[in-house]
C-alpha atoms as a PDB file:
ATOM      1  CA  MET A   1     -17.568  10.036   4.847  1.00  0.00           C
ATOM      2  CA  ARG A   2     -16.306   9.745   1.614  1.00  0.00           C
ATOM      3  CA  CYS A   3     -13.063   7.958   1.316  1.00  0.00           C
ATOM      4  CA  GLU A   4     -11.552  10.682  -1.526  1.00  0.00           C
ATOM      5  CA  ARG A   5     -11.534  13.282   1.547  1.00  0.00           C
ATOM      6  CA  LEU A   6      -9.409  11.065   3.941  1.00  0.00           C
ATOM      7  CA  ASP A   7      -6.089  12.689   3.776  1.00  0.00           C
ATOM      8  CA  VAL A   8      -5.043   8.794   4.346  1.00  0.00           C
ATOM      9  CA  TRP A   9      -6.664   6.963   1.789  1.00  0.00           C
ATOM     10  CA  LYS A  10      -5.085  10.458  -0.464  1.00  0.00           C
ATOM     11  CA  ARG A  11      -1.846   9.367   0.534  1.00  0.00           C
ATOM     12  CA  ALA A  12      -1.983   5.755   0.712  1.00  0.00           C
ATOM     13  CA  CYS A  13      -2.856   6.398  -3.410  1.00  0.00           C
ATOM     14  CA  ARG A  14       0.023   8.277  -4.161  1.00  0.00           C
ATOM     15  CA  LEU A  15       2.193   5.755  -2.308  1.00  0.00           C
ATOM     16  CA  SER A  16       0.544   2.886  -4.943  1.00  0.00           C
ATOM     17  CA  VAL A  17       1.045   4.959  -7.760  1.00  0.00           C
ATOM     18  CA  GLU A  18       4.965   5.694  -6.801  1.00  0.00           C
ATOM     19  CA  VAL A  19       5.516   1.560  -6.234  1.00  0.00           C
ATOM     20  CA  TYR A  20       4.037   0.869  -9.665  1.00  0.00           C
ATOM     21  CA  LYS A  21       5.907   3.781 -11.543  1.00  0.00           C
ATOM     22  CA  ALA A  22       9.448   2.080  -9.956  1.00  0.00           C
ATOM     23  CA  PHE A  23       8.225  -1.135 -10.835  1.00  0.00           C
ATOM     24  CA  VAL A  24       7.184  -0.633 -13.593  1.00  0.00           C
ATOM     25  CA  SER A  25       9.811  -2.529 -15.696  1.00  0.00           C
ATOM     26  CA  CYS A  26      10.208  -5.414 -13.462  1.00  0.00           C
ATOM     27  CA  LYS A  27      10.755  -8.622 -15.039  1.00  0.00           C
ATOM     28  CA  ASP A  28      10.360  -9.741 -11.907  1.00  0.00           C
ATOM     29  CA  PHE A  29       7.005 -10.459 -11.762  1.00  0.00           C
ATOM     30  CA  GLY A  30       6.474 -11.972  -9.032  1.00  0.00           C
ATOM     31  CA  PHE A  31       7.641  -9.481  -6.812  1.00  0.00           C
ATOM     32  CA  LYS A  32       6.477  -6.845  -9.069  1.00  0.00           C
ATOM     33  CA  ASP A  33       3.033  -8.107  -9.015  1.00  0.00           C
ATOM     34  CA  GLN A  34       3.363  -8.733  -5.133  1.00  0.00           C
ATOM     35  CA  ILE A  35       4.167  -4.836  -4.169  1.00  0.00           C
ATOM     36  CA  THR A  36       1.969  -3.654  -6.427  1.00  0.00           C
ATOM     37  CA  ARG A  37      -1.284  -4.956  -5.226  1.00  0.00           C
ATOM     38  CA  SER A  38      -0.316  -5.317  -1.519  1.00  0.00           C
ATOM     39  CA  SER A  39       0.042  -0.692  -1.962  1.00  0.00           C
ATOM     40  CA  LEU A  40      -2.542  -0.801  -3.822  1.00  0.00           C
ATOM     41  CA  SER A  41      -5.493  -3.220  -1.558  1.00  0.00           C
ATOM     42  CA  ILE A  42      -4.340  -0.153   1.483  1.00  0.00           C
ATOM     43  CA  ALA A  43      -6.449   2.587  -0.194  1.00  0.00           C
ATOM     44  CA  SER A  44      -8.813   0.159  -1.965  1.00  0.00           C
ATOM     45  CA  ASN A  45      -9.883  -1.082   1.740  1.00  0.00           C
ATOM     46  CA  ILE A  46      -9.807   2.104   3.391  1.00  0.00           C
ATOM     47  CA  ALA A  47     -12.226   3.010   0.728  1.00  0.00           C
ATOM     48  CA  GLU A  48     -14.382  -0.124   0.849  1.00  0.00           C
ATOM     49  CA  GLY A  49     -14.308   0.248   3.906  1.00  0.00           C
ATOM     50  CA  MET A  50     -15.770   4.043   4.345  1.00  0.00           C
ATOM     51  CA  GLU A  51     -18.940   2.725   1.992  1.00  0.00           C
ATOM     52  CA  LYS A  52     -19.737   0.136   4.544  1.00  0.00           C
ATOM     53  CA  GLU A  53     -22.549   0.736   6.688  1.00  0.00           C
ATOM     54  CA  SER A  54     -21.847  -0.156   9.880  1.00  0.00           C
ATOM     55  CA  ASP A  55     -19.065   0.788  12.250  1.00  0.00           C
ATOM     56  CA  LYS A  56     -18.022  -3.139  12.752  1.00  0.00           C
ATOM     57  CA  ASP A  57     -17.740  -3.731   8.449  1.00  0.00           C
ATOM     58  CA  LYS A  58     -16.031  -0.230   7.926  1.00  0.00           C
ATOM     59  CA  SER A  59     -13.372  -1.287  10.865  1.00  0.00           C
ATOM     60  CA  ARG A  60     -12.917  -5.126   9.423  1.00  0.00           C
ATOM     61  CA  PHE A  61     -11.699  -3.585   6.200  1.00  0.00           C
ATOM     62  CA  ILE A  62      -9.649  -0.626   7.311  1.00  0.00           C
ATOM     63  CA  ASN A  63      -8.314  -3.771   9.668  1.00  0.00           C
ATOM     64  CA  ILE A  64      -7.805  -5.308   6.093  1.00  0.00           C
ATOM     65  CA  SER A  65      -5.932  -2.231   5.225  1.00  0.00           C
ATOM     66  CA  GLN A  66      -3.599  -2.499   8.310  1.00  0.00           C
ATOM     67  CA  GLY A  67      -2.840  -6.264   6.933  1.00  0.00           C
ATOM     68  CA  SER A  68      -2.006  -4.631   3.538  1.00  0.00           C
ATOM     69  CA  ALA A  69       0.334  -2.374   5.122  1.00  0.00           C
ATOM     70  CA  ALA A  70       2.514  -4.853   6.720  1.00  0.00           C
ATOM     71  CA  GLU A  71       3.009  -6.679   4.203  1.00  0.00           C
ATOM     72  CA  LEU A  72       3.778  -3.323   1.644  1.00  0.00           C
ATOM     73  CA  ILE A  73       6.562  -2.988   4.590  1.00  0.00           C
ATOM     74  CA  THR A  74       7.714  -6.611   4.913  1.00  0.00           C
ATOM     75  CA  GLN A  75       8.086  -6.119   0.435  1.00  0.00           C
ATOM     76  CA  ILE A  76      10.028  -3.232   0.720  1.00  0.00           C
ATOM     77  CA  TYR A  77      12.395  -4.581   3.431  1.00  0.00           C
ATOM     78  CA  ILE A  78      13.345  -7.310   0.920  1.00  0.00           C
ATOM     79  CA  GLY A  79      12.757  -5.510  -2.371  1.00  0.00           C
ATOM     80  CA  ILE A  80      15.483  -3.137  -0.464  1.00  0.00           C
ATOM     81  CA  GLU A  81      18.381  -6.291   0.697  1.00  0.00           C
ATOM     82  CA  ILE A  82      17.672  -7.478  -3.030  1.00  0.00           C
ATOM     83  CA  GLY A  83      18.339  -4.772  -4.452  1.00  0.00           C
ATOM     84  CA  TYR A  84      14.481  -4.095  -6.357  1.00  0.00           C
ATOM     85  CA  VAL A  85      14.242  -0.679  -4.009  1.00  0.00           C
ATOM     86  CA  GLU A  86      16.877   2.399  -3.623  1.00  0.00           C
ATOM     87  CA  LYS A  87      17.928   2.005   0.308  1.00  0.00           C
ATOM     88  CA  ILE A  88      16.582   5.550   0.262  1.00  0.00           C
ATOM     89  CA  THR A  89      13.810   5.053  -1.217  1.00  0.00           C
ATOM     90  CA  GLY A  90      12.706   1.848   0.639  1.00  0.00           C
ATOM     91  CA  LEU A  91      13.057   3.858   4.305  1.00  0.00           C
ATOM     92  CA  ALA A  92      10.669   6.752   2.695  1.00  0.00           C
ATOM     93  CA  TRP A  93       7.563   4.235   1.213  1.00  0.00           C
ATOM     94  CA  ILE A  94       8.017   3.192   5.106  1.00  0.00           C
ATOM     95  CA  LYS A  95       7.580   6.151   6.866  1.00  0.00           C
ATOM     96  CA  GLU A  96       5.031   6.983   4.306  1.00  0.00           C
ATOM     97  CA  VAL A  97       3.465   3.595   5.478  1.00  0.00           C
ATOM     98  CA  ASN A  98       3.880   3.911   9.008  1.00  0.00           C
END
């Protein structure tokens, strides 16, 4: 199955776009790089996994995607606490990740 047919992939892509847009003017380049990369990694690893031949390889990339999701959730919570992410926005993102 192609990744473009998966709702989870579409939602992960939309979330990554939201994160990128939210941080477009952020001057903390370390934080900006980390949170945008983890958001991008979720959909990217789903896509890569779907192109693998074996179920074992597919599962491996889905697992990597889940790790990226946990990383993004962590960064969102930190972003909320340090004032980089509005609480309501961050909680909505976390809900979407879950």
